[in-house]
Amino acid sequence: MSKEEFQFQDLVDALEREKGSRTLQELEDDFFSDMRNFIGTLEEEVSQNSQDINAFSKMGFDQLLKAKSMSDSLINLRLKKISIAAVHQQMGVKKVDTEYMTHREKELFNDIKDLLSEAKGELTAGEYRRKTREKATPKPQKKTMEEPKEEIPEEKTTPKVQEKVQNEVGEELLVHIVEDVPTFVDMETTYSLKKEDVVTLRLDLAKVLISRGLARKVDFS
């Protein structure tokens, strides 16, 4: 028996299930490829009827816009859940069941976990601190040799340089939240991050939110 053709209602149902639960909902492993093909077909139909101003072409165009908007919402919802799940599992809060993730989502989940583990290991070993000193020390050494009398002003300016570098590659990062983030627990702290919040987060958490498009780094330049 052949598989039924992907329909607009399939997308509607998937989005409604995802919105109604805090956990991932089951999808066929080829759901997203079928969804892309469905949207591609709508785009072709709208393009072919773009010169015909009639009810059918308008209906097709409206459906295309809705399908694109809903697919984007569905993907964003699942990415948020996957990102938070990876953070929780890496922290040992709970073991995450990946049964309802598609094959590609499982790969993404493991990539995020690996990134968090790597960042935690580097921070624990102090490698970010060593990198900060390596970047900050050459400048005062050069000025001391060329302009010995400027030694005192250098001591005043060097901490500012170190502070900026520390903010970029140190243990914490100042970020601007661009999308609401589901509430999660980090160690003993419960985070409820909302759009437009500006907060300082541990670097590993900040990286996850930035990589998923939920936050952006605040630049000082």
N, C-alpha and C. Protein backbone atom coordinates (compact mmCIF):
# COMPACT_ATOMS: atom_id res chain seq x y z
N MET A 1 0.85 -1.20 0.00
CA MET A 1 0.00 0.00 0.00
C MET A 1 0.88 1.24 0.00
N SER A 2 0.65 2.14 -0.93
CA SER A 2 1.48 3.33 -1.05
C SER A 2 1.13 4.34 0.04
N LYS A 3 2.12 5.15 0.37
CA LYS A 3 1.94 6.17 1.41
C LYS A 3 1.03 7.28 0.90
N GLU A 4 0.15 7.76 1.79
CA GLU A 4 -0.76 8.83 1.40
C GLU A 4 0.01 10.12 1.15
N GLU A 5 -0.46 10.91 0.20
CA GLU A 5 0.20 12.16 -0.16
C GLU A 5 0.06 13.18 0.97
N PHE A 6 1.12 13.94 1.19
CA PHE A 6 1.12 14.97 2.23
C PHE A 6 0.08 16.02 1.91
N GLN A 7 -0.72 16.38 2.91
CA GLN A 7 -1.77 17.36 2.74
C GLN A 7 -1.56 18.56 3.67
N PHE A 8 -2.22 19.66 3.36
CA PHE A 8 -2.14 20.86 4.19
C PHE A 8 -2.57 20.56 5.62
N GLN A 9 -3.58 19.71 5.76
CA GLN A 9 -4.09 19.37 7.09
C GLN A 9 -3.04 18.64 7.92
N ASP A 10 -2.14 17.91 7.27
CA ASP A 10 -1.07 17.23 8.00
C ASP A 10 -0.19 18.25 8.72
N LEU A 11 0.07 19.35 8.06
CA LEU A 11 0.87 20.41 8.66
C LEU A 11 0.12 21.08 9.80
N VAL A 12 -1.17 21.35 9.59
CA VAL A 12 -2.01 21.96 10.62
C VAL A 12 -2.03 21.08 11.87
N ASP A 13 -2.26 19.78 11.67
CA ASP A 13 -2.35 18.85 12.81
C ASP A 13 -1.02 18.77 13.57
N ALA A 14 0.08 18.71 12.83
CA ALA A 14 1.40 18.60 13.47
C ALA A 14 1.69 19.83 14.32
N LEU A 15 1.37 21.02 13.80
CA LEU A 15 1.62 22.26 14.54
C LEU A 15 0.74 22.33 15.79
N GLU A 16 -0.53 21.95 15.67
CA GLU A 16 -1.43 22.00 16.82
C GLU A 16 -0.96 21.04 17.92
N ARG A 17 -0.50 19.84 17.54
CA ARG A 17 0.00 18.89 18.53
C ARG A 17 1.23 19.45 19.24
N GLU A 18 2.11 20.09 18.46
CA GLU A 18 3.36 20.62 19.03
C GLU A 18 3.07 21.78 19.98
N LYS A 19 2.12 22.64 19.61
CA LYS A 19 1.76 23.77 20.47
C LYS A 19 1.13 23.31 21.77
N GLY A 20 0.43 22.18 21.72
CA GLY A 20 -0.32 21.72 22.89
C GLY A 20 0.48 20.90 23.87
N SER A 21 1.78 20.75 23.66
CA SER A 21 2.58 19.93 24.56
C SER A 21 3.94 20.56 24.82
N ARG A 22 4.49 20.34 26.03
CA ARG A 22 5.82 20.84 26.35
C ARG A 22 6.90 19.89 25.85
N THR A 23 6.50 18.69 25.44
CA THR A 23 7.46 17.71 24.93
C THR A 23 7.26 17.50 23.43
N LEU A 24 8.28 16.96 22.78
CA LEU A 24 8.20 16.71 21.35
C LEU A 24 7.09 15.71 21.03
N GLN A 25 6.40 15.97 19.93
CA GLN A 25 5.36 15.07 19.45
C GLN A 25 5.88 14.22 18.29
N GLU A 26 5.32 13.07 18.15
CA GLU A 26 5.83 12.12 17.14
C GLU A 26 5.58 12.61 15.72
N LEU A 27 6.62 12.50 14.89
CA LEU A 27 6.53 12.80 13.46
C LEU A 27 7.18 11.67 12.69
N GLU A 28 6.68 11.42 11.50
CA GLU A 28 7.35 10.47 10.62
C GLU A 28 8.74 10.99 10.28
N ASP A 29 9.69 10.09 10.10
CA ASP A 29 11.07 10.51 9.86
C ASP A 29 11.20 11.35 8.59
N ASP A 30 10.31 11.16 7.63
CA ASP A 30 10.38 11.92 6.38
C ASP A 30 9.33 13.05 6.35
N PHE A 31 8.81 13.42 7.52
CA PHE A 31 7.78 14.46 7.57
C PHE A 31 8.27 15.76 6.94
N PHE A 32 9.48 16.19 7.32
CA PHE A 32 9.96 17.49 6.85
C PHE A 32 10.28 17.48 5.35
N SER A 33 10.76 16.36 4.84
CA SER A 33 11.00 16.29 3.40
C SER A 33 9.68 16.33 2.64
N ASP A 34 8.66 15.64 3.17
CA ASP A 34 7.33 15.68 2.55
C ASP A 34 6.75 17.09 2.63
N MET A 35 6.99 17.76 3.76
CA MET A 35 6.49 19.12 3.93
C MET A 35 7.14 20.06 2.92
N ARG A 36 8.46 19.93 2.74
CA ARG A 36 9.17 20.77 1.76
C ARG A 36 8.65 20.53 0.35
N ASN A 37 8.42 19.27 0.01
CA ASN A 37 7.89 18.95 -1.32
C ASN A 37 6.49 19.53 -1.51
N PHE A 38 5.68 19.48 -0.46
CA PHE A 38 4.33 20.03 -0.53
C PHE A 38 4.38 21.54 -0.77
N ILE A 39 5.23 22.24 -0.03
CA ILE A 39 5.35 23.69 -0.21
C ILE A 39 5.92 24.01 -1.58
N GLY A 40 6.87 23.20 -2.05
CA GLY A 40 7.43 23.40 -3.38
C GLY A 40 6.37 23.27 -4.46
N THR A 41 5.45 22.31 -4.28
CA THR A 41 4.35 22.12 -5.24
C THR A 41 3.43 23.33 -5.24
N LEU A 42 3.13 23.85 -4.05
CA LEU A 42 2.29 25.05 -3.96
C LEU A 42 2.95 26.23 -4.66
N GLU A 43 4.25 26.38 -4.48
CA GLU A 43 4.98 27.47 -5.13
C GLU A 43 4.89 27.36 -6.65
N GLU A 44 5.01 26.16 -7.16
CA GLU A 44 4.91 25.96 -8.61
C GLU A 44 3.51 26.32 -9.11
N GLU A 45 2.49 25.89 -8.39
CA GLU A 45 1.11 26.17 -8.80
C GLU A 45 0.83 27.67 -8.80
N VAL A 46 1.30 28.34 -7.75
CA VAL A 46 1.09 29.79 -7.67
C VAL A 46 1.83 30.51 -8.78
N SER A 47 3.05 30.04 -9.07
CA SER A 47 3.84 30.66 -10.14
C SER A 47 3.17 30.48 -11.50
N GLN A 48 2.62 29.31 -11.74
CA GLN A 48 1.97 29.04 -13.02
C GLN A 48 0.70 29.84 -13.20
N ASN A 49 0.03 30.16 -12.08
CA ASN A 49 -1.24 30.90 -12.16
C ASN A 49 -1.09 32.36 -11.75
N SER A 50 0.15 32.84 -11.73
CA SER A 50 0.39 34.20 -11.25
C SER A 50 -0.26 35.27 -12.14
N GLN A 51 -0.51 34.96 -13.41
CA GLN A 51 -1.12 35.93 -14.31
C GLN A 51 -2.64 35.86 -14.32
N ASP A 52 -3.18 34.82 -13.64
CA ASP A 52 -4.64 34.65 -13.62
C ASP A 52 -5.20 35.20 -12.32
N ILE A 53 -5.97 36.29 -12.39
CA ILE A 53 -6.58 36.87 -11.21
C ILE A 53 -7.95 36.21 -11.03
N ASN A 54 -7.97 35.12 -10.32
CA ASN A 54 -9.22 34.42 -10.07
C ASN A 54 -9.20 33.81 -8.68
N ALA A 55 -10.30 33.25 -8.25
CA ALA A 55 -10.44 32.72 -6.90
C ALA A 55 -9.46 31.59 -6.64
N PHE A 56 -9.20 30.75 -7.65
CA PHE A 56 -8.33 29.60 -7.44
C PHE A 56 -6.90 30.03 -7.15
N SER A 57 -6.37 30.97 -7.96
CA SER A 57 -4.99 31.39 -7.77
C SER A 57 -4.82 32.13 -6.44
N LYS A 58 -5.83 32.92 -6.05
CA LYS A 58 -5.76 33.63 -4.77
C LYS A 58 -5.79 32.64 -3.62
N MET A 59 -6.63 31.62 -3.72
CA MET A 59 -6.70 30.61 -2.68
C MET A 59 -5.36 29.87 -2.56
N GLY A 60 -4.76 29.59 -3.71
CA GLY A 60 -3.47 28.90 -3.69
C GLY A 60 -2.38 29.75 -3.07
N PHE A 61 -2.41 31.05 -3.36
CA PHE A 61 -1.41 31.94 -2.80
C PHE A 61 -1.58 32.07 -1.28
N ASP A 62 -2.82 32.18 -0.82
CA ASP A 62 -3.09 32.26 0.61
C ASP A 62 -2.63 30.99 1.33
N GLN A 63 -2.90 29.86 0.70
CA GLN A 63 -2.49 28.59 1.31
C GLN A 63 -0.97 28.47 1.38
N LEU A 64 -0.29 28.98 0.35
CA LEU A 64 1.17 28.96 0.35
C LEU A 64 1.73 29.78 1.50
N LEU A 65 1.19 30.98 1.68
CA LEU A 65 1.66 31.84 2.77
C LEU A 65 1.43 31.18 4.13
N LYS A 66 0.25 30.59 4.30
CA LYS A 66 -0.05 29.93 5.57
C LYS A 66 0.86 28.73 5.79
N ALA A 67 1.11 27.97 4.74
CA ALA A 67 1.96 26.79 4.86
C ALA A 67 3.38 27.17 5.25
N LYS A 68 3.91 28.23 4.65
CA LYS A 68 5.26 28.67 4.99
C LYS A 68 5.33 29.16 6.43
N SER A 69 4.33 29.93 6.86
CA SER A 69 4.31 30.45 8.22
C SER A 69 4.19 29.33 9.24
N MET A 70 3.33 28.37 8.96
CA MET A 70 3.12 27.26 9.89
C MET A 70 4.33 26.34 9.95
N SER A 71 4.98 26.11 8.81
CA SER A 71 6.17 25.25 8.81
C SER A 71 7.29 25.89 9.62
N ASP A 72 7.42 27.22 9.50
CA ASP A 72 8.45 27.93 10.26
C ASP A 72 8.15 27.85 11.76
N SER A 73 6.89 28.00 12.13
CA SER A 73 6.50 27.90 13.54
C SER A 73 6.75 26.50 14.09
N LEU A 74 6.43 25.50 13.31
CA LEU A 74 6.62 24.11 13.74
C LEU A 74 8.10 23.82 13.97
N ILE A 75 8.94 24.23 13.02
CA ILE A 75 10.38 23.99 13.14
C ILE A 75 10.95 24.71 14.35
N ASN A 76 10.55 25.98 14.54
CA ASN A 76 11.06 26.74 15.68
C ASN A 76 10.65 26.12 17.01
N LEU A 77 9.41 25.65 17.10
CA LEU A 77 8.94 25.02 18.33
C LEU A 77 9.77 23.77 18.65
N ARG A 78 10.01 22.96 17.65
CA ARG A 78 10.76 21.73 17.89
C ARG A 78 12.22 22.01 18.20
N LEU A 79 12.80 23.01 17.53
CA LEU A 79 14.19 23.36 17.83
C LEU A 79 14.34 23.86 19.26
N LYS A 80 13.38 24.64 19.74
CA LYS A 80 13.42 25.10 21.13
C LYS A 80 13.39 23.92 22.09
N LYS A 81 12.49 22.99 21.84
CA LYS A 81 12.35 21.83 22.73
C LYS A 81 13.62 20.97 22.70
N ILE A 82 14.19 20.80 21.53
CA ILE A 82 15.41 19.99 21.40
C ILE A 82 16.57 20.66 22.12
N SER A 83 16.69 21.98 21.97
CA SER A 83 17.79 22.72 22.61
C SER A 83 17.70 22.63 24.13
N ILE A 84 16.50 22.85 24.67
CA ILE A 84 16.33 22.79 26.12
C ILE A 84 16.54 21.37 26.62
N ALA A 85 16.10 20.39 25.87
CA ALA A 85 16.29 18.99 26.27
C ALA A 85 17.78 18.64 26.33
N ALA A 86 18.55 19.14 25.36
CA ALA A 86 19.99 18.87 25.35
C ALA A 86 20.67 19.51 26.55
N VAL A 87 20.26 20.73 26.90
CA VAL A 87 20.81 21.40 28.09
C VAL A 87 20.50 20.61 29.35
N HIS A 88 19.27 20.17 29.49
CA HIS A 88 18.86 19.41 30.67
C HIS A 88 19.64 18.10 30.78
N GLN A 89 19.79 17.40 29.68
CA GLN A 89 20.50 16.11 29.75
C GLN A 89 21.97 16.31 30.06
N GLN A 90 22.60 17.33 29.46
CA GLN A 90 24.02 17.57 29.72
C GLN A 90 24.25 17.94 31.19
N MET A 91 23.29 18.63 31.78
CA MET A 91 23.39 19.04 33.17
C MET A 91 23.02 17.90 34.12
N GLY A 92 22.48 16.82 33.58
CA GLY A 92 22.09 15.71 34.42
C GLY A 92 20.75 15.89 35.10
N VAL A 93 19.98 16.88 34.63
CA VAL A 93 18.66 17.12 35.23
C VAL A 93 17.74 15.93 34.98
N LYS A 94 17.74 15.45 33.76
CA LYS A 94 16.93 14.29 33.44
C LYS A 94 17.40 13.69 32.12
N LYS A 95 17.09 12.39 31.95
CA LYS A 95 17.43 11.71 30.71
C LYS A 95 16.34 11.99 29.69
N VAL A 96 16.73 12.35 28.50
CA VAL A 96 15.78 12.74 27.47
C VAL A 96 15.47 11.56 26.55
N ASP A 97 14.19 11.36 26.30
CA ASP A 97 13.76 10.32 25.36
C ASP A 97 13.75 10.91 23.95
N THR A 98 14.56 10.34 23.08
CA THR A 98 14.68 10.86 21.71
C THR A 98 13.78 10.11 20.72
N GLU A 99 12.86 9.31 21.24
CA GLU A 99 12.03 8.46 20.38
C GLU A 99 11.26 9.26 19.34
N TYR A 100 10.77 10.44 19.72
CA TYR A 100 9.92 11.21 18.82
C TYR A 100 10.71 12.23 17.98
N MET A 101 12.02 12.16 18.02
CA MET A 101 12.84 13.01 17.16
C MET A 101 13.06 12.33 15.82
N THR A 102 13.06 13.12 14.75
CA THR A 102 13.43 12.56 13.45
C THR A 102 14.92 12.28 13.45
N HIS A 103 15.38 11.59 12.44
CA HIS A 103 16.81 11.23 12.37
C HIS A 103 17.69 12.48 12.42
N ARG A 104 17.34 13.50 11.67
CA ARG A 104 18.15 14.72 11.65
C ARG A 104 18.08 15.45 12.99
N GLU A 105 16.92 15.42 13.64
CA GLU A 105 16.78 16.06 14.94
C GLU A 105 17.63 15.36 15.99
N LYS A 106 17.74 14.04 15.90
CA LYS A 106 18.60 13.31 16.83
C LYS A 106 20.07 13.72 16.64
N GLU A 107 20.47 13.89 15.40
CA GLU A 107 21.84 14.35 15.13
C GLU A 107 22.07 15.73 15.74
N LEU A 108 21.09 16.62 15.57
CA LEU A 108 21.19 17.96 16.12
C LEU A 108 21.27 17.91 17.65
N PHE A 109 20.44 17.08 18.26
CA PHE A 109 20.41 16.92 19.71
C PHE A 109 21.79 16.49 20.22
N ASN A 110 22.40 15.52 19.56
CA ASN A 110 23.72 15.04 19.96
C ASN A 110 24.80 16.09 19.73
N ASP A 111 24.67 16.86 18.65
CA ASP A 111 25.64 17.93 18.38
C ASP A 111 25.62 18.99 19.49
N ILE A 112 24.41 19.36 19.93
CA ILE A 112 24.29 20.36 20.99
C ILE A 112 24.88 19.82 22.29
N LYS A 113 24.60 18.56 22.61
CA LYS A 113 25.16 17.96 23.82
C LYS A 113 26.68 17.98 23.77
N ASP A 114 27.25 17.61 22.62
CA ASP A 114 28.70 17.59 22.48
C ASP A 114 29.28 18.98 22.66
N LEU A 115 28.62 19.99 22.08
CA LEU A 115 29.08 21.37 22.21
C LEU A 115 29.07 21.81 23.67
N LEU A 116 28.00 21.47 24.40
CA LEU A 116 27.90 21.83 25.80
C LEU A 116 28.97 21.13 26.64
N SER A 117 29.19 19.85 26.36
CA SER A 117 30.21 19.11 27.10
C SER A 117 31.60 19.68 26.85
N GLU A 118 31.87 20.01 25.59
CA GLU A 118 33.17 20.59 25.23
C GLU A 118 33.37 21.93 25.93
N ALA A 119 32.35 22.77 25.89
CA ALA A 119 32.45 24.09 26.53
C ALA A 119 32.63 23.96 28.04
N LYS A 120 31.90 23.04 28.65
CA LYS A 120 32.02 22.84 30.09
C LYS A 120 33.42 22.37 30.45
N GLY A 121 33.95 21.43 29.65
CA GLY A 121 35.30 20.94 29.92
C GLY A 121 36.34 22.03 29.80
N GLU A 122 36.20 22.87 28.80
CA GLU A 122 37.16 23.96 28.61
C GLU A 122 37.07 24.98 29.74
N LEU A 123 35.84 25.28 30.15
CA LEU A 123 35.67 26.24 31.23
C LEU A 123 36.18 25.68 32.55
N THR A 124 35.93 24.40 32.80
CA THR A 124 36.40 23.77 34.03
C THR A 124 37.92 23.72 34.08
N ALA A 125 38.55 23.45 32.93
CA ALA A 125 40.01 23.37 32.87
C ALA A 125 40.67 24.73 32.84
N GLY A 126 39.89 25.78 32.68
CA GLY A 126 40.43 27.13 32.66
C GLY A 126 41.04 27.56 31.36
N GLU A 127 40.73 26.86 30.26
CA GLU A 127 41.36 27.19 28.99
C GLU A 127 40.91 28.55 28.48
N TYR A 128 39.66 28.93 28.77
CA TYR A 128 39.21 30.24 28.33
C TYR A 128 39.97 31.35 29.05
N ARG A 129 40.30 31.13 30.32
CA ARG A 129 41.08 32.11 31.06
C ARG A 129 42.48 32.25 30.47
N ARG A 130 43.08 31.13 30.09
CA ARG A 130 44.41 31.19 29.49
C ARG A 130 44.37 31.93 28.17
N LYS A 131 43.33 31.71 27.37
CA LYS A 131 43.22 32.41 26.10
C LYS A 131 43.07 33.91 26.33
N THR A 132 42.36 34.28 27.38
CA THR A 132 42.17 35.70 27.68
C THR A 132 43.50 36.36 28.00
N ARG A 133 44.33 35.70 28.81
CA ARG A 133 45.62 36.28 29.15
C ARG A 133 46.54 36.35 27.94
N GLU A 134 46.48 35.34 27.09
CA GLU A 134 47.32 35.34 25.90
C GLU A 134 46.97 36.50 24.97
N LYS A 135 45.70 36.86 24.88
CA LYS A 135 45.29 37.95 24.00
C LYS A 135 45.54 39.31 24.63
N ALA A 136 45.44 39.38 25.97
CA ALA A 136 45.51 40.68 26.62
C ALA A 136 46.93 41.13 26.94
N THR A 137 47.87 40.17 27.17
CA THR A 137 49.20 40.56 27.62
C THR A 137 50.13 41.11 26.55
N PRO A 138 50.07 40.68 25.26
CA PRO A 138 51.04 41.22 24.29
C PRO A 138 51.01 42.73 24.15
N LYS A 139 49.84 43.37 24.24
CA LYS A 139 49.76 44.81 24.04
C LYS A 139 50.51 45.61 25.10
N PRO A 140 50.31 45.33 26.41
CA PRO A 140 51.07 46.09 27.40
C PRO A 140 52.57 45.83 27.34
N GLN A 141 52.98 44.60 26.95
CA GLN A 141 54.41 44.30 26.84
C GLN A 141 55.05 45.15 25.76
N LYS A 142 54.39 45.30 24.64
CA LYS A 142 54.94 46.08 23.54
C LYS A 142 55.06 47.55 23.91
N LYS A 143 54.03 48.10 24.56
CA LYS A 143 54.05 49.49 24.95
C LYS A 143 55.10 49.75 26.03
N THR A 144 55.33 48.79 26.92
CA THR A 144 56.31 48.97 27.98
C THR A 144 57.72 49.11 27.42
N MET A 145 58.00 48.35 26.34
CA MET A 145 59.33 48.41 25.73
C MET A 145 59.53 49.72 24.97
N GLU A 146 58.51 50.18 24.28
CA GLU A 146 58.67 51.36 23.44
C GLU A 146 58.48 52.66 24.22
N GLU A 147 57.58 52.64 25.22
CA GLU A 147 57.29 53.85 25.96
C GLU A 147 57.26 53.54 27.46
N PRO A 148 58.42 53.39 28.07
CA PRO A 148 58.49 53.02 29.49
C PRO A 148 57.72 53.97 30.39
N LYS A 149 57.66 55.26 30.04
CA LYS A 149 57.03 56.25 30.90
C LYS A 149 55.51 56.12 30.92
N GLU A 150 54.96 55.37 29.97
CA GLU A 150 53.51 55.21 29.90
C GLU A 150 53.02 54.01 30.70
N GLU A 151 53.85 53.49 31.58
CA GLU A 151 53.55 52.26 32.31
C GLU A 151 52.28 52.39 33.16
N ILE A 152 52.13 53.53 33.87
CA ILE A 152 50.96 53.70 34.74
C ILE A 152 49.66 53.79 33.95
N PRO A 153 49.59 54.59 32.86
CA PRO A 153 48.34 54.62 32.07
C PRO A 153 47.98 53.25 31.52
N GLU A 154 49.00 52.43 31.16
CA GLU A 154 48.70 51.11 30.61
C GLU A 154 47.98 50.25 31.64
N GLU A 155 48.37 50.35 32.90
CA GLU A 155 47.74 49.54 33.93
C GLU A 155 46.27 49.92 34.09
N LYS A 156 45.93 51.17 33.73
CA LYS A 156 44.54 51.60 33.84
C LYS A 156 43.71 51.11 32.66
N THR A 157 44.32 51.02 31.50
CA THR A 157 43.55 50.64 30.32
C THR A 157 43.50 49.14 30.12
N THR A 158 44.51 48.41 30.56
CA THR A 158 44.56 46.97 30.31
C THR A 158 43.33 46.22 30.84
N PRO A 159 42.85 46.49 32.08
CA PRO A 159 41.67 45.77 32.57
C PRO A 159 40.45 45.93 31.68
N LYS A 160 40.31 47.12 31.03
CA LYS A 160 39.16 47.31 30.14
C LYS A 160 39.26 46.38 28.94
N VAL A 161 40.48 46.26 28.41
CA VAL A 161 40.67 45.35 27.28
C VAL A 161 40.37 43.93 27.71
N GLN A 162 40.87 43.55 28.91
CA GLN A 162 40.64 42.19 29.39
C GLN A 162 39.16 41.94 29.65
N GLU A 163 38.46 42.96 30.16
CA GLU A 163 37.04 42.80 30.44
C GLU A 163 36.25 42.53 29.17
N LYS A 164 36.61 43.27 28.09
CA LYS A 164 35.91 43.08 26.82
C LYS A 164 36.18 41.69 26.27
N VAL A 165 37.44 41.25 26.31
CA VAL A 165 37.78 39.92 25.80
C VAL A 165 37.12 38.85 26.64
N GLN A 166 37.12 39.07 27.99
CA GLN A 166 36.50 38.10 28.88
C GLN A 166 35.02 37.94 28.57
N ASN A 167 34.35 39.05 28.23
CA ASN A 167 32.93 39.00 27.89
C ASN A 167 32.67 38.21 26.63
N GLU A 168 33.66 38.19 25.72
CA GLU A 168 33.48 37.51 24.45
C GLU A 168 33.82 36.03 24.56
N VAL A 169 34.85 35.66 25.32
CA VAL A 169 35.29 34.27 25.33
C VAL A 169 35.39 33.71 26.73
N GLY A 170 34.95 34.42 27.77
CA GLY A 170 35.08 33.95 29.12
C GLY A 170 33.93 33.05 29.53
N GLU A 171 33.69 33.01 30.84
CA GLU A 171 32.72 32.06 31.37
C GLU A 171 31.28 32.52 31.16
N GLU A 172 31.06 33.81 30.95
CA GLU A 172 29.71 34.31 30.78
C GLU A 172 29.63 35.20 29.54
N LEU A 173 28.39 35.38 29.06
CA LEU A 173 28.19 36.20 27.86
C LEU A 173 26.91 37.00 28.03
N LEU A 174 26.98 38.27 27.67
CA LEU A 174 25.80 39.13 27.70
C LEU A 174 25.04 38.96 26.39
N VAL A 175 23.77 38.58 26.47
CA VAL A 175 22.98 38.31 25.27
C VAL A 175 21.66 39.05 25.30
N HIS A 176 21.13 39.27 24.11
CA HIS A 176 19.81 39.88 23.92
C HIS A 176 18.87 38.78 23.44
N ILE A 177 17.82 38.49 24.22
CA ILE A 177 16.86 37.45 23.87
C ILE A 177 15.94 37.96 22.78
N VAL A 178 15.87 37.24 21.64
CA VAL A 178 15.05 37.70 20.51
C VAL A 178 13.76 36.89 20.33
N GLU A 179 13.65 35.78 21.08
CA GLU A 179 12.42 34.99 21.05
C GLU A 179 12.16 34.47 22.47
N ASP A 180 10.90 34.29 22.84
CA ASP A 180 10.58 33.71 24.14
C ASP A 180 11.20 32.32 24.26
N VAL A 181 11.80 32.02 25.40
CA VAL A 181 12.44 30.73 25.64
C VAL A 181 11.66 30.01 26.74
N PRO A 182 11.29 28.74 26.52
CA PRO A 182 10.58 27.99 27.56
C PRO A 182 11.38 27.96 28.86
N THR A 183 10.69 28.02 29.98
CA THR A 183 11.34 28.02 31.29
C THR A 183 12.20 26.77 31.47
N PHE A 184 13.43 26.95 31.98
CA PHE A 184 14.32 25.82 32.23
C PHE A 184 15.14 26.08 33.48
N VAL A 185 15.69 25.00 34.05
CA VAL A 185 16.46 25.09 35.29
C VAL A 185 17.93 24.87 34.98
N ASP A 186 18.77 25.78 35.47
CA ASP A 186 20.22 25.67 35.31
C ASP A 186 20.84 25.65 36.70
N MET A 187 21.36 24.49 37.10
CA MET A 187 21.87 24.31 38.46
C MET A 187 20.73 24.62 39.44
N GLU A 188 20.88 25.69 40.23
CA GLU A 188 19.83 26.04 41.18
C GLU A 188 19.01 27.25 40.72
N THR A 189 19.22 27.66 39.49
CA THR A 189 18.54 28.84 38.97
C THR A 189 17.48 28.46 37.94
N THR A 190 16.30 29.01 38.07
CA THR A 190 15.23 28.80 37.10
C THR A 190 15.16 30.01 36.18
N TYR A 191 15.27 29.77 34.89
CA TYR A 191 15.26 30.85 33.91
C TYR A 191 13.91 30.90 33.20
N SER A 192 13.38 32.09 33.07
CA SER A 192 12.18 32.33 32.27
C SER A 192 12.48 33.54 31.38
N LEU A 193 13.09 33.25 30.24
CA LEU A 193 13.60 34.31 29.38
C LEU A 193 12.54 34.73 28.36
N LYS A 194 12.33 36.03 28.27
CA LYS A 194 11.33 36.57 27.36
C LYS A 194 12.00 37.44 26.29
N LYS A 195 11.31 37.59 25.19
CA LYS A 195 11.80 38.41 24.08
C LYS A 195 12.12 39.82 24.57
N GLU A 196 13.27 40.33 24.13
CA GLU A 196 13.79 41.67 24.46
C GLU A 196 14.53 41.72 25.80
N ASP A 197 14.59 40.58 26.55
CA ASP A 197 15.39 40.56 27.77
C ASP A 197 16.87 40.67 27.41
N VAL A 198 17.65 41.34 28.24
CA VAL A 198 19.11 41.39 28.10
C VAL A 198 19.70 40.81 29.38
N VAL A 199 20.34 39.64 29.26
CA VAL A 199 20.81 38.92 30.44
C VAL A 199 22.22 38.39 30.22
N THR A 200 22.89 38.10 31.34
CA THR A 200 24.20 37.44 31.30
C THR A 200 24.01 35.97 31.62
N LEU A 201 24.47 35.10 30.72
CA LEU A 201 24.31 33.66 30.87
C LEU A 201 25.67 32.97 30.81
N ARG A 202 25.73 31.76 31.36
CA ARG A 202 26.92 30.94 31.16
C ARG A 202 27.16 30.77 29.68
N LEU A 203 28.42 30.72 29.28
CA LEU A 203 28.76 30.70 27.86
C LEU A 203 28.14 29.53 27.13
N ASP A 204 28.12 28.33 27.76
CA ASP A 204 27.56 27.18 27.06
C ASP A 204 26.07 27.35 26.79
N LEU A 205 25.35 27.91 27.78
CA LEU A 205 23.91 28.15 27.57
C LEU A 205 23.69 29.23 26.52
N ALA A 206 24.49 30.29 26.59
CA ALA A 206 24.36 31.38 25.63
C ALA A 206 24.60 30.88 24.21
N LYS A 207 25.62 30.02 24.04
CA LYS A 207 25.92 29.49 22.70
C LYS A 207 24.75 28.70 22.13
N VAL A 208 24.11 27.90 22.98
CA VAL A 208 22.96 27.10 22.51
C VAL A 208 21.84 28.01 22.05
N LEU A 209 21.52 29.03 22.85
CA LEU A 209 20.43 29.94 22.49
C LEU A 209 20.76 30.73 21.22
N ILE A 210 22.02 31.15 21.09
CA ILE A 210 22.43 31.90 19.89
C ILE A 210 22.37 31.01 18.66
N SER A 211 22.85 29.76 18.78
CA SER A 211 22.86 28.85 17.63
C SER A 211 21.47 28.51 17.15
N ARG A 212 20.50 28.59 18.04
CA ARG A 212 19.12 28.27 17.68
C ARG A 212 18.31 29.50 17.30
N GLY A 213 18.96 30.67 17.26
CA GLY A 213 18.27 31.88 16.86
C GLY A 213 17.37 32.46 17.94
N LEU A 214 17.58 32.05 19.19
CA LEU A 214 16.75 32.56 20.29
C LEU A 214 17.38 33.77 20.96
N ALA A 215 18.67 34.00 20.68
CA ALA A 215 19.37 35.14 21.31
C ALA A 215 20.49 35.59 20.40
N ARG A 216 21.02 36.78 20.68
CA ARG A 216 22.18 37.27 19.96
C ARG A 216 23.15 37.90 20.94
N LYS A 217 24.43 37.83 20.64
CA LYS A 217 25.44 38.40 21.51
C LYS A 217 25.36 39.92 21.49
N VAL A 218 25.52 40.53 22.64
CA VAL A 218 25.53 41.98 22.73
C VAL A 218 26.97 42.45 22.50
N ASP A 219 27.17 43.20 21.42
CA ASP A 219 28.50 43.71 21.07
C ASP A 219 28.75 45.02 21.77
N PHE A 220 30.01 45.23 22.16
CA PHE A 220 30.40 46.46 22.84
C PHE A 220 31.09 47.45 21.91
N SER A 221 31.36 47.02 20.68
CA SER A 221 32.06 47.93 19.76
C SER A 221 31.12 48.98 19.21
